[in-house]
Amino acid sequence: MEVPPGLETAAIVNKVCRFKKSLYGLKQSPRAWFEKFTCVLKKHGYFQSQSDHTMFIKYSQKGQRAILIVYVDDIILTGDFLDEIPRIKG
């Protein structure tokens, strides 16, 4: 890793840089992405399954459900809550 351009290197000889957020290629990146993704889904009314933490479910008032499953870099969206599916895709 290199010091960002414009930062005086003489002033930071015995110091280290601290990341404010995860970057691609770091071990923490997938976990940071999944945590952010989970927060966004919860804000949209989804809840995380207790039996499979990669599955999220949202119920309509009529009992319809939208199910979203995350697997590596794929997302599967299914269910009978037909109004929700295009909403979450957009």
PDB file of N, CA and C in Angstrom:
ATOM      1  N   MET A   1       0.838  -1.166   0.000  1.00  0.00           N
ATOM      2  CA  MET A   1       0.000   0.000   0.000  1.00  0.00           C
ATOM      3  C   MET A   1       0.884   1.231   0.000  1.00  0.00           C
ATOM      4  N   GLU A   2       0.451   2.262  -0.692  1.00  0.00           N
ATOM      5  CA  GLU A   2       1.224   3.497  -0.771  1.00  0.00           C
ATOM      6  C   GLU A   2       0.461   4.648  -0.132  1.00  0.00           C
ATOM      7  N   VAL A   3       1.213   5.634   0.306  1.00  0.00           N
ATOM      8  CA  VAL A   3       0.625   6.840   0.883  1.00  0.00           C
ATOM      9  C   VAL A   3      -0.070   7.612  -0.237  1.00  0.00           C
ATOM     10  N   PRO A   4      -1.263   8.150   0.018  1.00  0.00           N
ATOM     11  CA  PRO A   4      -1.974   8.906  -1.012  1.00  0.00           C
ATOM     12  C   PRO A   4      -1.166  10.101  -1.499  1.00  0.00           C
ATOM     13  N   PRO A   5      -1.276  10.452  -2.798  1.00  0.00           N
ATOM     14  CA  PRO A   5      -0.553  11.610  -3.328  1.00  0.00           C
ATOM     15  C   PRO A   5      -0.934  12.885  -2.576  1.00  0.00           C
ATOM     16  N   GLY A   6       0.028  13.728  -2.352  1.00  0.00           N
ATOM     17  CA  GLY A   6      -0.220  14.996  -1.667  1.00  0.00           C
ATOM     18  C   GLY A   6       0.004  14.935  -0.171  1.00  0.00           C
ATOM     19  N   LEU A   7       0.143  13.743   0.378  1.00  0.00           N
ATOM     20  CA  LEU A   7       0.386  13.597   1.804  1.00  0.00           C
ATOM     21  C   LEU A   7       1.888  13.573   2.022  1.00  0.00           C
ATOM     22  N   GLU A   8       2.379  14.424   2.886  1.00  0.00           N
ATOM     23  CA  GLU A   8       3.819  14.507   3.115  1.00  0.00           C
ATOM     24  C   GLU A   8       4.300  13.257   3.843  1.00  0.00           C
ATOM     25  N   THR A   9       5.205  12.523   3.212  1.00  0.00           N
ATOM     26  CA  THR A   9       5.683  11.274   3.804  1.00  0.00           C
ATOM     27  C   THR A   9       6.658  11.492   4.955  1.00  0.00           C
ATOM     28  N   ALA A  10       7.362  12.601   4.993  1.00  0.00           N
ATOM     29  CA  ALA A  10       8.313  12.860   6.079  1.00  0.00           C
ATOM     30  C   ALA A  10       7.579  13.013   7.413  1.00  0.00           C
ATOM     31  N   ALA A  11       6.365  13.506   7.375  1.00  0.00           N
ATOM     32  CA  ALA A  11       5.604  13.737   8.600  1.00  0.00           C
ATOM     33  C   ALA A  11       4.994  12.451   9.152  1.00  0.00           C
ATOM     34  N   ILE A  12       4.967  11.395   8.359  1.00  0.00           N
ATOM     35  CA  ILE A  12       4.310  10.168   8.810  1.00  0.00           C
ATOM     36  C   ILE A  12       5.241   8.959   8.819  1.00  0.00           C
ATOM     37  N   VAL A  13       6.498   9.168   9.099  1.00  0.00           N
ATOM     38  CA  VAL A  13       7.478   8.079   9.065  1.00  0.00           C
ATOM     39  C   VAL A  13       7.101   6.951  10.020  1.00  0.00           C
ATOM     40  N   ASN A  14       6.726   7.254  11.234  1.00  0.00           N
ATOM     41  CA  ASN A  14       6.417   6.232  12.232  1.00  0.00           C
ATOM     42  C   ASN A  14       4.915   6.072  12.465  1.00  0.00           C
ATOM     43  N   LYS A  15       4.127   6.351  11.471  1.00  0.00           N
ATOM     44  CA  LYS A  15       2.669   6.274  11.613  1.00  0.00           C
ATOM     45  C   LYS A  15       2.105   5.304  10.580  1.00  0.00           C
ATOM     46  N   VAL A  16       0.870   4.898  10.796  1.00  0.00           N
ATOM     47  CA  VAL A  16       0.180   4.015   9.853  1.00  0.00           C
ATOM     48  C   VAL A  16      -1.115   4.677   9.396  1.00  0.00           C
ATOM     49  N   CYS A  17      -1.633   4.214   8.284  1.00  0.00           N
ATOM     50  CA  CYS A  17      -2.920   4.716   7.784  1.00  0.00           C
ATOM     51  C   CYS A  17      -4.028   3.786   8.270  1.00  0.00           C
ATOM     52  N   ARG A  18      -5.190   4.346   8.540  1.00  0.00           N
ATOM     53  CA  ARG A  18      -6.339   3.554   8.965  1.00  0.00           C
ATOM     54  C   ARG A  18      -7.435   3.707   7.923  1.00  0.00           C
ATOM     55  N   PHE A  19      -8.005   2.570   7.481  1.00  0.00           N
ATOM     56  CA  PHE A  19      -9.080   2.601   6.492  1.00  0.00           C
ATOM     57  C   PHE A  19     -10.364   3.111   7.124  1.00  0.00           C
ATOM     58  N   LYS A  20     -11.075   3.943   6.397  1.00  0.00           N
ATOM     59  CA  LYS A  20     -12.399   4.370   6.838  1.00  0.00           C
ATOM     60  C   LYS A  20     -13.463   3.385   6.378  1.00  0.00           C
ATOM     61  N   LYS A  21     -13.195   2.665   5.295  1.00  0.00           N
ATOM     62  CA  LYS A  21     -14.117   1.645   4.813  1.00  0.00           C
ATOM     63  C   LYS A  21     -13.315   0.581   4.077  1.00  0.00           C
ATOM     64  N   SER A  22     -13.919  -0.589   3.893  1.00  0.00           N
ATOM     65  CA  SER A  22     -13.232  -1.685   3.211  1.00  0.00           C
ATOM     66  C   SER A  22     -13.119  -1.411   1.727  1.00  0.00           C
ATOM     67  N   LEU A  23     -12.044  -1.897   1.147  1.00  0.00           N
ATOM     68  CA  LEU A  23     -11.796  -1.752  -0.280  1.00  0.00           C
ATOM     69  C   LEU A  23     -11.843  -3.119  -0.932  1.00  0.00           C
ATOM     70  N   TYR A  24     -12.016  -3.127  -2.257  1.00  0.00           N
ATOM     71  CA  TYR A  24     -11.970  -4.392  -2.985  1.00  0.00           C
ATOM     72  C   TYR A  24     -10.615  -5.041  -2.784  1.00  0.00           C
ATOM     73  N   GLY A  25     -10.604  -6.354  -2.651  1.00  0.00           N
ATOM     74  CA  GLY A  25      -9.357  -7.082  -2.510  1.00  0.00           C
ATOM     75  C   GLY A  25      -8.933  -7.321  -1.072  1.00  0.00           C
ATOM     76  N   LEU A  26      -9.583  -6.691  -0.126  1.00  0.00           N
ATOM     77  CA  LEU A  26      -9.254  -6.923   1.281  1.00  0.00           C
ATOM     78  C   LEU A  26     -10.088  -8.083   1.817  1.00  0.00           C
ATOM     79  N   LYS A  27      -9.585  -8.749   2.847  1.00  0.00           N
ATOM     80  CA  LYS A  27     -10.324  -9.863   3.437  1.00  0.00           C
ATOM     81  C   LYS A  27     -11.677  -9.422   3.991  1.00  0.00           C
ATOM     82  N   GLN A  28     -11.756  -8.182   4.458  1.00  0.00           N
ATOM     83  CA  GLN A  28     -12.980  -7.691   5.082  1.00  0.00           C
ATOM     84  C   GLN A  28     -14.034  -7.241   4.072  1.00  0.00           C
ATOM     85  N   SER A  29     -13.665  -7.090   2.811  1.00  0.00           N
ATOM     86  CA  SER A  29     -14.569  -6.520   1.810  1.00  0.00           C
ATOM     87  C   SER A  29     -15.886  -7.273   1.659  1.00  0.00           C
ATOM     88  N   PRO A  30     -15.883  -8.598   1.502  1.00  0.00           N
ATOM     89  CA  PRO A  30     -17.168  -9.292   1.353  1.00  0.00           C
ATOM     90  C   PRO A  30     -18.077  -9.122   2.567  1.00  0.00           C
ATOM     91  N   ARG A  31     -17.506  -9.178   3.744  1.00  0.00           N
ATOM     92  CA  ARG A  31     -18.318  -9.015   4.958  1.00  0.00           C
ATOM     93  C   ARG A  31     -18.888  -7.600   5.056  1.00  0.00           C
ATOM     94  N   ALA A  32     -18.072  -6.606   4.739  1.00  0.00           N
ATOM     95  CA  ALA A  32     -18.542  -5.217   4.774  1.00  0.00           C
ATOM     96  C   ALA A  32     -19.663  -5.008   3.761  1.00  0.00           C
ATOM     97  N   TRP A  33     -19.513  -5.586   2.566  1.00  0.00           N
ATOM     98  CA  TRP A  33     -20.556  -5.471   1.543  1.00  0.00           C
ATOM     99  C   TRP A  33     -21.846  -6.124   2.025  1.00  0.00           C
ATOM    100  N   PHE A  34     -21.746  -7.331   2.603  1.00  0.00           N
ATOM    101  CA  PHE A  34     -22.935  -8.052   3.048  1.00  0.00           C
ATOM    102  C   PHE A  34     -23.633  -7.316   4.189  1.00  0.00           C
ATOM    103  N   GLU A  35     -22.871  -6.730   5.098  1.00  0.00           N
ATOM    104  CA  GLU A  35     -23.470  -5.957   6.196  1.00  0.00           C
ATOM    105  C   GLU A  35     -24.222  -4.745   5.662  1.00  0.00           C
ATOM    106  N   LYS A  36     -23.646  -4.053   4.695  1.00  0.00           N
ATOM    107  CA  LYS A  36     -24.310  -2.895   4.089  1.00  0.00           C
ATOM    108  C   LYS A  36     -25.569  -3.342   3.340  1.00  0.00           C
ATOM    109  N   PHE A  37     -25.464  -4.426   2.576  1.00  0.00           N
ATOM    110  CA  PHE A  37     -26.593  -4.974   1.828  1.00  0.00           C
ATOM    111  C   PHE A  37     -27.727  -5.355   2.778  1.00  0.00           C
ATOM    112  N   THR A  38     -27.384  -5.990   3.901  1.00  0.00           N
ATOM    113  CA  THR A  38     -28.374  -6.377   4.902  1.00  0.00           C
ATOM    114  C   THR A  38     -29.091  -5.156   5.464  1.00  0.00           C
ATOM    115  N   CYS A  39     -28.353  -4.104   5.770  1.00  0.00           N
ATOM    116  CA  CYS A  39     -28.960  -2.874   6.297  1.00  0.00           C
ATOM    117  C   CYS A  39     -29.945  -2.270   5.305  1.00  0.00           C
ATOM    118  N   VAL A  40     -29.580  -2.254   4.037  1.00  0.00           N
ATOM    119  CA  VAL A  40     -30.457  -1.688   3.004  1.00  0.00           C
ATOM    120  C   VAL A  40     -31.737  -2.513   2.891  1.00  0.00           C
ATOM    121  N   LEU A  41     -31.615  -3.830   2.876  1.00  0.00           N
ATOM    122  CA  LEU A  41     -32.809  -4.677   2.778  1.00  0.00           C
ATOM    123  C   LEU A  41     -33.719  -4.498   3.988  1.00  0.00           C
ATOM    124  N   LYS A  42     -33.143  -4.402   5.173  1.00  0.00           N
ATOM    125  CA  LYS A  42     -33.955  -4.208   6.375  1.00  0.00           C
ATOM    126  C   LYS A  42     -34.694  -2.876   6.330  1.00  0.00           C
ATOM    127  N   LYS A  43     -34.075  -1.854   5.757  1.00  0.00           N
ATOM    128  CA  LYS A  43     -34.752  -0.557   5.605  1.00  0.00           C
ATOM    129  C   LYS A  43     -35.932  -0.656   4.646  1.00  0.00           C
ATOM    130  N   HIS A  44     -35.885  -1.630   3.728  1.00  0.00           N
ATOM    131  CA  HIS A  44     -36.974  -1.843   2.775  1.00  0.00           C
ATOM    132  C   HIS A  44     -38.019  -2.835   3.301  1.00  0.00           C
ATOM    133  N   GLY A  45     -37.919  -3.226   4.559  1.00  0.00           N
ATOM    134  CA  GLY A  45     -38.933  -4.070   5.171  1.00  0.00           C
ATOM    135  C   GLY A  45     -38.661  -5.562   5.148  1.00  0.00           C
ATOM    136  N   TYR A  46     -37.490  -5.972   4.730  1.00  0.00           N
ATOM    137  CA  TYR A  46     -37.136  -7.387   4.720  1.00  0.00           C
ATOM    138  C   TYR A  46     -36.605  -7.786   6.090  1.00  0.00           C
ATOM    139  N   PHE A  47     -36.797  -9.046   6.447  1.00  0.00           N
ATOM    140  CA  PHE A  47     -36.144  -9.547   7.654  1.00  0.00           C
ATOM    141  C   PHE A  47     -35.272 -10.730   7.281  1.00  0.00           C
ATOM    142  N   GLN A  48     -34.227 -10.919   8.045  1.00  0.00           N
ATOM    143  CA  GLN A  48     -33.237 -11.952   7.768  1.00  0.00           C
ATOM    144  C   GLN A  48     -33.687 -13.266   8.404  1.00  0.00           C
ATOM    145  N   SER A  49     -33.632 -14.342   7.639  1.00  0.00           N
ATOM    146  CA  SER A  49     -34.022 -15.660   8.135  1.00  0.00           C
ATOM    147  C   SER A  49     -33.092 -16.095   9.269  1.00  0.00           C
ATOM    148  N   GLN A  50     -33.666 -16.720  10.284  1.00  0.00           N
ATOM    149  CA  GLN A  50     -32.866 -17.239  11.396  1.00  0.00           C
ATOM    150  C   GLN A  50     -32.112 -18.505  10.999  1.00  0.00           C
ATOM    151  N   SER A  51     -32.681 -19.279  10.069  1.00  0.00           N
ATOM    152  CA  SER A  51     -32.053 -20.545   9.684  1.00  0.00           C
ATOM    153  C   SER A  51     -31.002 -20.386   8.595  1.00  0.00           C
ATOM    154  N   ASP A  52     -31.110 -19.331   7.788  1.00  0.00           N
ATOM    155  CA  ASP A  52     -30.143 -19.086   6.716  1.00  0.00           C
ATOM    156  C   ASP A  52     -29.934 -17.579   6.617  1.00  0.00           C
ATOM    157  N   HIS A  53     -28.802 -17.094   7.091  1.00  0.00           N
ATOM    158  CA  HIS A  53     -28.584 -15.644   7.160  1.00  0.00           C
ATOM    159  C   HIS A  53     -28.452 -14.986   5.790  1.00  0.00           C
ATOM    160  N   THR A  54     -28.373 -15.778   4.715  1.00  0.00           N
ATOM    161  CA  THR A  54     -28.302 -15.198   3.368  1.00  0.00           C
ATOM    162  C   THR A  54     -29.681 -15.099   2.718  1.00  0.00           C
ATOM    163  N   MET A  55     -30.735 -15.451   3.446  1.00  0.00           N
ATOM    164  CA  MET A  55     -32.098 -15.384   2.923  1.00  0.00           C
ATOM    165  C   MET A  55     -32.871 -14.276   3.638  1.00  0.00           C
ATOM    166  N   PHE A  56     -33.535 -13.448   2.848  1.00  0.00           N
ATOM    167  CA  PHE A  56     -34.314 -12.328   3.361  1.00  0.00           C
ATOM    168  C   PHE A  56     -35.744 -12.468   2.854  1.00  0.00           C
ATOM    169  N   ILE A  57     -36.718 -12.163   3.721  1.00  0.00           N
ATOM    170  CA  ILE A  57     -38.123 -12.344   3.379  1.00  0.00           C
ATOM    171  C   ILE A  57     -38.886 -11.065   3.709  1.00  0.00           C
ATOM    172  N   LYS A  58     -39.827 -10.733   2.826  1.00  0.00           N
ATOM    173  CA  LYS A  58     -40.722  -9.606   3.078  1.00  0.00           C
ATOM    174  C   LYS A  58     -42.142 -10.071   2.803  1.00  0.00           C
ATOM    175  N   TYR A  59     -43.051  -9.805   3.749  1.00  0.00           N
ATOM    176  CA  TYR A  59     -44.452 -10.185   3.602  1.00  0.00           C
ATOM    177  C   TYR A  59     -45.299  -8.958   3.287  1.00  0.00           C
ATOM    178  N   SER A  60     -46.299  -9.161   2.440  1.00  0.00           N
ATOM    179  CA  SER A  60     -47.266  -8.097   2.175  1.00  0.00           C
ATOM    180  C   SER A  60     -48.374  -8.192   3.219  1.00  0.00           C
ATOM    181  N   GLN A  61     -49.268  -7.233   3.222  1.00  0.00           N
ATOM    182  CA  GLN A  61     -50.397  -7.267   4.150  1.00  0.00           C
ATOM    183  C   GLN A  61     -51.362  -8.398   3.812  1.00  0.00           C
ATOM    184  N   LYS A  62     -51.314  -8.857   2.563  1.00  0.00           N
ATOM    185  CA  LYS A  62     -52.180  -9.956   2.120  1.00  0.00           C
ATOM    186  C   LYS A  62     -51.540 -11.326   2.355  1.00  0.00           C
ATOM    187  N   GLY A  63     -50.348 -11.359   2.925  1.00  0.00           N
ATOM    188  CA  GLY A  63     -49.666 -12.619   3.191  1.00  0.00           C
ATOM    189  C   GLY A  63     -48.772 -13.092   2.059  1.00  0.00           C
ATOM    190  N   GLN A  64     -48.657 -12.299   1.015  1.00  0.00           N
ATOM    191  CA  GLN A  64     -47.736 -12.643  -0.072  1.00  0.00           C
ATOM    192  C   GLN A  64     -46.315 -12.428   0.427  1.00  0.00           C
ATOM    193  N   ARG A  65     -45.364 -13.107  -0.209  1.00  0.00           N
ATOM    194  CA  ARG A  65     -43.986 -12.932   0.243  1.00  0.00           C
ATOM    195  C   ARG A  65     -43.026 -12.799  -0.934  1.00  0.00           C
ATOM    196  N   ALA A  66     -41.992 -12.023  -0.694  1.00  0.00           N
ATOM    197  CA  ALA A  66     -40.857 -11.907  -1.610  1.00  0.00           C
ATOM    198  C   ALA A  66     -39.666 -12.494  -0.865  1.00  0.00           C
ATOM    199  N   ILE A  67     -38.944 -13.377  -1.539  1.00  0.00           N
ATOM    200  CA  ILE A  67     -37.797 -14.045  -0.928  1.00  0.00           C
ATOM    201  C   ILE A  67     -36.559 -13.701  -1.740  1.00  0.00           C
ATOM    202  N   LEU A  68     -35.534 -13.228  -1.060  1.00  0.00           N
ATOM    203  CA  LEU A  68     -34.283 -12.848  -1.701  1.00  0.00           C
ATOM    204  C   LEU A  68     -33.166 -13.669  -1.072  1.00  0.00           C
ATOM    205  N   ILE A  69     -32.380 -14.337  -1.909  1.00  0.00           N
ATOM    206  CA  ILE A  69     -31.284 -15.176  -1.427  1.00  0.00           C
ATOM    207  C   ILE A  69     -29.985 -14.702  -2.066  1.00  0.00           C
ATOM    208  N   VAL A  70     -28.948 -14.556  -1.256  1.00  0.00           N
ATOM    209  CA  VAL A  70     -27.631 -14.128  -1.737  1.00  0.00           C
ATOM    210  C   VAL A  70     -26.701 -15.333  -1.708  1.00  0.00           C
ATOM    211  N   TYR A  71     -26.018 -15.569  -2.823  1.00  0.00           N
ATOM    212  CA  TYR A  71     -25.023 -16.639  -2.883  1.00  0.00           C
ATOM    213  C   TYR A  71     -23.808 -16.121  -3.646  1.00  0.00           C
ATOM    214  N   VAL A  72     -22.718 -15.912  -2.964  1.00  0.00           N
ATOM    215  CA  VAL A  72     -21.461 -15.372  -3.487  1.00  0.00           C
ATOM    216  C   VAL A  72     -21.744 -14.041  -4.185  1.00  0.00           C
ATOM    217  N   ASP A  73     -21.780 -14.018  -5.524  1.00  0.00           N
ATOM    218  CA  ASP A  73     -22.062 -12.759  -6.226  1.00  0.00           C
ATOM    219  C   ASP A  73     -23.365 -12.838  -7.017  1.00  0.00           C
ATOM    220  N   ASP A  74     -24.249 -13.760  -6.623  1.00  0.00           N
ATOM    221  CA  ASP A  74     -25.556 -13.900  -7.263  1.00  0.00           C
ATOM    222  C   ASP A  74     -26.652 -13.585  -6.260  1.00  0.00           C
ATOM    223  N   ILE A  75     -27.761 -13.051  -6.765  1.00  0.00           N
ATOM    224  CA  ILE A  75     -28.931 -12.777  -5.940  1.00  0.00           C
ATOM    225  C   ILE A  75     -30.131 -13.406  -6.631  1.00  0.00           C
ATOM    226  N   ILE A  76     -30.865 -14.233  -5.898  1.00  0.00           N
ATOM    227  CA  ILE A  76     -32.078 -14.862  -6.417  1.00  0.00           C
ATOM    228  C   ILE A  76     -33.262 -14.184  -5.748  1.00  0.00           C
ATOM    229  N   LEU A  77     -34.210 -13.728  -6.550  1.00  0.00           N
ATOM    230  CA  LEU A  77     -35.398 -13.045  -6.045  1.00  0.00           C
ATOM    231  C   LEU A  77     -36.618 -13.788  -6.561  1.00  0.00           C
ATOM    232  N   THR A  78     -37.457 -14.247  -5.656  1.00  0.00           N
ATOM    233  CA  THR A  78     -38.631 -15.017  -6.045  1.00  0.00           C
ATOM    234  C   THR A  78     -39.763 -14.750  -5.063  1.00  0.00           C
ATOM    235  N   GLY A  79     -40.916 -15.305  -5.337  1.00  0.00           N
ATOM    236  CA  GLY A  79     -42.046 -15.186  -4.438  1.00  0.00           C
ATOM    237  C   GLY A  79     -43.313 -14.822  -5.174  1.00  0.00           C
ATOM    238  N   ASP A  80     -44.404 -14.705  -4.408  1.00  0.00           N
ATOM    239  CA  ASP A  80     -45.692 -14.349  -5.002  1.00  0.00           C
ATOM    240  C   ASP A  80     -46.098 -12.900  -4.705  1.00  0.00           C
ATOM    241  N   PHE A  81     -45.218 -12.134  -4.094  1.00  0.00           N
ATOM    242  CA  PHE A  81     -45.448 -10.705  -3.823  1.00  0.00           C
ATOM    243  C   PHE A  81     -45.037  -9.942  -5.087  1.00  0.00           C
ATOM    244  N   LEU A  82     -45.906  -9.982  -6.091  1.00  0.00           N
ATOM    245  CA  LEU A  82     -45.564  -9.500  -7.430  1.00  0.00           C
ATOM    246  C   LEU A  82     -45.312  -7.995  -7.499  1.00  0.00           C
ATOM    247  N   ASP A  83     -45.889  -7.215  -6.600  1.00  0.00           N
ATOM    248  CA  ASP A  83     -45.627  -5.768  -6.592  1.00  0.00           C
ATOM    249  C   ASP A  83     -44.224  -5.456  -6.077  1.00  0.00           C
ATOM    250  N   GLU A  84     -43.709  -6.283  -5.197  1.00  0.00           N
ATOM    251  CA  GLU A  84     -42.411  -6.024  -4.565  1.00  0.00           C
ATOM    252  C   GLU A  84     -41.235  -6.391  -5.468  1.00  0.00           C
ATOM    253  N   ILE A  85     -41.378  -7.425  -6.251  1.00  0.00           N
ATOM    254  CA  ILE A  85     -40.245  -7.913  -7.050  1.00  0.00           C
ATOM    255  C   ILE A  85     -39.695  -6.840  -7.988  1.00  0.00           C
ATOM    256  N   PRO A  86     -40.513  -6.165  -8.812  1.00  0.00           N
ATOM    257  CA  PRO A  86     -39.929  -5.100  -9.653  1.00  0.00           C
ATOM    258  C   PRO A  86     -39.435  -3.906  -8.827  1.00  0.00           C
ATOM    259  N   ARG A  87     -40.061  -3.660  -7.680  1.00  0.00           N
ATOM    260  CA  ARG A  87     -39.656  -2.532  -6.829  1.00  0.00           C
ATOM    261  C   ARG A  87     -38.239  -2.738  -6.299  1.00  0.00           C
ATOM    262  N   ILE A  88     -37.932  -3.941  -5.843  1.00  0.00           N
ATOM    263  CA  ILE A  88     -36.599  -4.193  -5.281  1.00  0.00           C
ATOM    264  C   ILE A  88     -35.556  -4.330  -6.384  1.00  0.00           C
ATOM    265  N   LYS A  89     -35.968  -4.739  -7.577  1.00  0.00           N
ATOM    266  CA  LYS A  89     -35.028  -4.838  -8.697  1.00  0.00           C
ATOM    267  C   LYS A  89     -34.618  -3.459  -9.195  1.00  0.00           C
ATOM    268  N   GLY A  90     -35.513  -2.496  -9.086  1.00  0.00           N
ATOM    269  CA  GLY A  90     -35.247  -1.153  -9.609  1.00  0.00           C
ATOM    270  C   GLY A  90     -34.542  -0.327  -8.635  1.00  0.00           C
TER     271      GLY A  90
END
